[in-house]
Protein backbone atom coordinates (compact mmCIF):
# COMPACT_ATOMS: atom_id res chain seq x y z
CA MET A 1 57.94 -110.56 135.18
CA ASN A 2 57.96 -112.45 132.41
CA ARG A 3 57.78 -116.11 132.70
CA ILE A 4 60.71 -118.47 130.40
CA HIS A 5 58.04 -120.56 127.78
CA ILE A 6 59.61 -124.07 128.22
CA PRO A 7 58.19 -125.89 125.04
CA THR A 8 57.43 -129.21 125.30
CA ILE A 9 58.83 -131.86 123.30
CA VAL A 10 57.32 -135.08 121.58
CA PHE A 11 60.49 -137.17 120.88
CA LEU A 12 59.23 -140.51 118.73
CA HIS A 13 61.68 -142.99 117.74
CA GLY A 14 62.05 -145.09 114.73
CA ALA A 15 61.19 -148.77 114.25
CA TRP A 16 62.84 -151.10 116.32
CA ALA A 17 64.35 -148.23 118.26
CA SER A 18 63.65 -146.82 121.83
CA PRO A 19 63.21 -143.07 122.71
CA ASN A 20 67.21 -143.17 123.92
CA CYS A 21 67.83 -142.41 120.24
CA PHE A 22 67.73 -139.04 120.86
CA ASN A 23 69.74 -138.52 124.14
CA TYR A 24 72.38 -136.99 122.06
CA ILE A 25 69.77 -133.89 120.53
CA ARG A 26 67.51 -134.09 123.91
CA ALA A 27 71.01 -133.20 125.97
CA ASN A 28 72.02 -130.22 123.47
CA LEU A 29 68.49 -128.73 123.04
CA ILE A 30 67.40 -126.02 124.83
CA LYS A 31 65.58 -126.48 127.86
CA HIS A 32 62.63 -128.24 127.22
CA ARG A 33 59.65 -130.75 128.73
CA ALA A 34 59.96 -133.83 127.00
CA ILE A 35 57.49 -136.67 126.30
CA LEU A 36 58.88 -140.00 125.13
CA PRO A 37 55.93 -142.45 123.81
CA GLU A 38 56.84 -146.05 122.76
CA TYR A 39 55.26 -147.99 120.64
CA ILE A 40 55.97 -151.73 119.25
CA PHE A 41 56.58 -151.88 115.31
CA GLY A 42 53.81 -154.52 114.78
CA PRO A 43 50.43 -153.23 114.02
CA ALA A 44 49.49 -151.37 110.91
CA LEU A 45 50.78 -147.53 110.99
CA TYR A 46 47.15 -146.07 111.55
CA ASP A 47 46.69 -148.15 114.58
CA THR A 48 50.40 -147.57 115.92
CA VAL A 49 49.29 -143.26 115.16
CA LYS A 50 46.36 -144.41 117.77
CA SER A 51 48.37 -145.36 120.15
CA VAL A 52 50.85 -143.18 120.10
CA ALA A 53 48.06 -140.58 120.12
CA TYR A 54 46.71 -142.06 123.70
CA ASP A 55 50.66 -141.99 124.78
CA ILE A 56 50.74 -138.28 123.97
CA ASN A 57 47.32 -137.27 125.14
CA SER A 58 47.73 -139.00 128.58
CA GLN A 59 50.36 -136.73 129.43
CA LEU A 60 49.14 -132.96 127.69
CA ASP A 61 46.31 -131.52 128.01
CA THR A 62 45.88 -128.29 125.97
CA GLU A 63 49.24 -126.70 125.39
CA GLU A 64 50.88 -126.93 121.95
CA TYR A 65 54.00 -129.42 121.38
CA ILE A 66 57.06 -129.64 118.80
CA LEU A 67 57.44 -132.92 117.29
CA ILE A 68 60.61 -134.48 116.37
CA GLY A 69 60.49 -138.08 115.21
CA HIS A 70 63.43 -140.38 113.57
CA SER A 71 62.50 -142.60 110.26
CA LEU A 72 59.42 -144.43 110.85
CA GLY A 73 58.92 -142.04 114.08
CA GLY A 74 58.61 -139.17 111.61
CA ILE A 75 55.85 -140.23 109.46
CA LEU A 76 53.95 -141.76 112.35
CA GLY A 77 55.05 -137.85 113.93
CA TYR A 78 53.65 -136.34 110.24
CA ARG A 79 50.53 -138.60 110.90
CA LEU A 80 50.16 -137.31 114.17
CA ALA A 81 50.42 -133.77 113.96
CA LEU A 82 47.70 -133.29 110.59
CA ASP A 83 45.51 -134.68 113.39
CA ASP A 84 46.25 -132.80 116.35
CA GLN A 85 46.21 -128.85 116.12
CA ARG A 86 48.21 -129.11 119.47
CA CYS A 87 51.00 -130.05 117.06
CA CYS A 88 52.60 -126.18 115.89
CA LYS A 89 56.19 -127.81 114.52
CA LEU A 90 57.50 -130.46 113.20
CA VAL A 91 60.70 -132.00 112.39
CA THR A 92 61.09 -135.33 110.41
CA ILE A 93 64.90 -136.85 110.18
CA SER A 94 65.40 -139.43 107.90
CA SER A 95 61.97 -140.61 107.05
CA PRO A 96 61.33 -142.83 104.26
CA PHE A 97 57.78 -140.57 102.63
CA ASN A 98 57.97 -142.80 99.65
CA GLY A 99 58.43 -146.03 101.26
CA SER A 100 61.30 -148.38 101.43
CA VAL A 101 62.69 -150.62 98.71
CA HIS A 102 63.03 -153.09 101.51
CA ALA A 103 59.20 -152.48 102.62
CA ALA A 104 58.73 -153.98 98.70
CA THR A 105 60.85 -157.07 98.40
CA ALA A 106 59.61 -158.23 101.65
CA HIS A 107 56.60 -157.88 100.83
CA ASN A 108 56.91 -160.21 97.59
CA LEU A 109 58.72 -162.68 100.16
CA ILE A 110 57.22 -162.53 103.00
CA GLU A 111 53.29 -163.07 103.71
CA PRO A 112 51.72 -159.79 104.76
CA TRP A 113 52.19 -158.31 107.57
CA PRO A 114 50.29 -154.77 108.33
CA PRO A 115 53.52 -152.50 108.49
CA LYS A 116 55.22 -153.58 106.21
CA MET A 117 52.27 -153.14 103.64
CA ASP A 118 51.90 -149.39 104.70
CA LEU A 119 55.01 -148.93 103.88
CA VAL A 120 55.53 -149.89 100.51
CA PRO A 121 56.09 -147.33 98.10
CA ASN A 122 52.84 -145.41 96.87
CA SER A 123 50.55 -147.28 99.66
CA GLU A 124 47.18 -146.06 101.03
CA PHE A 125 48.90 -144.49 103.96
CA LEU A 126 51.66 -142.72 102.71
CA THR A 127 49.52 -141.33 99.75
CA LYS A 128 47.65 -139.63 101.97
CA LEU A 129 50.41 -138.01 104.06
CA LYS A 130 51.25 -136.49 100.11
CA ILE A 131 47.48 -134.96 99.59
CA SER A 132 46.76 -134.00 103.20
CA GLU A 133 47.24 -130.14 103.84
CA ALA A 134 49.25 -129.68 106.74
CA LYS A 135 48.55 -126.37 109.38
CA PHE A 136 51.96 -126.60 111.36
CA LYS A 137 55.74 -125.72 110.38
CA SER A 138 57.68 -128.74 109.46
CA LEU A 139 61.26 -129.15 109.23
CA GLY A 140 62.66 -132.51 106.91
CA LEU A 141 66.25 -133.48 107.94
CA ILE A 142 67.95 -135.50 104.77
CA SER A 143 70.56 -138.09 105.61
CA THR A 144 73.11 -138.54 102.86
CA GLY A 145 75.84 -139.66 104.12
CA GLY A 146 75.32 -143.86 103.05
CA LYS A 147 77.55 -145.99 100.57
CA ILE A 148 75.65 -149.22 100.23
CA PRO A 149 75.93 -149.91 96.34
CA MET A 150 73.33 -152.31 96.38
CA PHE A 151 70.34 -149.56 96.40
CA ASN A 152 72.16 -147.83 93.02
CA GLU A 153 71.23 -144.46 94.06
CA PRO A 154 72.27 -142.12 96.87
CA ASN A 155 71.17 -143.67 100.48
CA ASP A 156 72.09 -142.99 104.40
CA ASN A 157 72.97 -147.02 104.68
CA VAL A 158 69.24 -147.86 105.36
CA ILE A 159 66.75 -145.72 103.18
CA THR A 160 67.87 -143.98 100.05
CA VAL A 161 67.34 -140.48 99.72
CA ALA A 162 65.11 -139.82 97.12
CA THR A 163 62.24 -141.48 99.46
CA GLN A 164 63.23 -138.72 101.98
CA THR A 165 63.53 -135.88 99.88
CA ASN A 166 59.86 -136.85 98.13
CA SER A 167 57.93 -135.91 101.04
CA PRO A 168 54.99 -133.25 101.65
CA ILE A 169 57.47 -131.17 103.16
CA SER A 170 59.20 -128.38 101.53
CA ASN A 171 61.46 -126.99 104.13
CA GLN A 172 64.39 -129.81 103.61
CA LYS A 173 68.23 -129.57 104.65
CA LYS A 174 70.92 -132.23 104.02
CA ILE A 175 73.10 -133.20 106.44
CA ALA A 176 75.58 -135.76 105.15
CA ALA A 177 75.33 -138.62 108.03
CA THR A 178 73.91 -141.81 107.73
CA HIS A 179 70.49 -142.81 109.23
CA SER A 180 71.68 -143.30 112.68
CA GLU A 181 75.00 -140.93 112.82
CA ILE A 182 72.31 -138.21 112.04
CA LEU A 183 71.05 -138.45 115.87
CA GLN A 184 74.64 -137.65 116.70
CA HIS A 185 75.46 -135.02 114.71
CA GLU A 186 76.07 -131.13 115.74
CA THR A 187 74.22 -129.89 112.48
CA THR A 188 71.28 -131.72 113.21
CA VAL A 189 70.96 -129.84 116.67
CA LYS A 190 71.84 -126.67 115.03
CA GLU A 191 69.08 -127.15 112.66
CA ILE A 192 66.87 -128.04 115.01
CA GLN A 193 67.39 -125.34 117.40
CA LYS A 194 67.35 -122.65 115.01
CA PHE A 195 63.30 -124.25 113.86
CA ILE A 196 62.27 -124.05 117.07
CA LEU A 197 63.21 -120.58 118.18
CA SER A 198 62.03 -119.47 114.34
């Protein structure tokens, strides 16, 4: 008798969010085992990656997993996947791989704060992601539905489209939704499902 494989999926939320942001996606994906790490947006990103890795390791042994990360969770997820051979597939959603103009502005106005400095365009953290060789399959879902004029370029109401597309992930799909709407979008679920099953 053949046993049906139930994939393990790690869902990694963005800054100032919670695992609940994935409720719609989780409810509409194929049957899976979910791991929902929590983290506090505050320490330097390398420290946050270590904390999330510890959380994942406390719930997984040697089995492979798929990682889905939204916004900052996609960036942290990419770093985790580079370091963990158990991660076989990665989906990033609305992730600012080229940094954030908000972080750059805050960097100039406010005293240094480690995660903000890691998210400044061309930071050491982001640059190392782009030059690392990935051994996992990846999909980048790009949110394009924003209309904030102060960006002076296409955006998703939180980050620019360009910072999402300037990533080490070549397999990218654009979805006409804002930064938060993309998590409630049926096309997001369809693209993730297709990628998981490929």
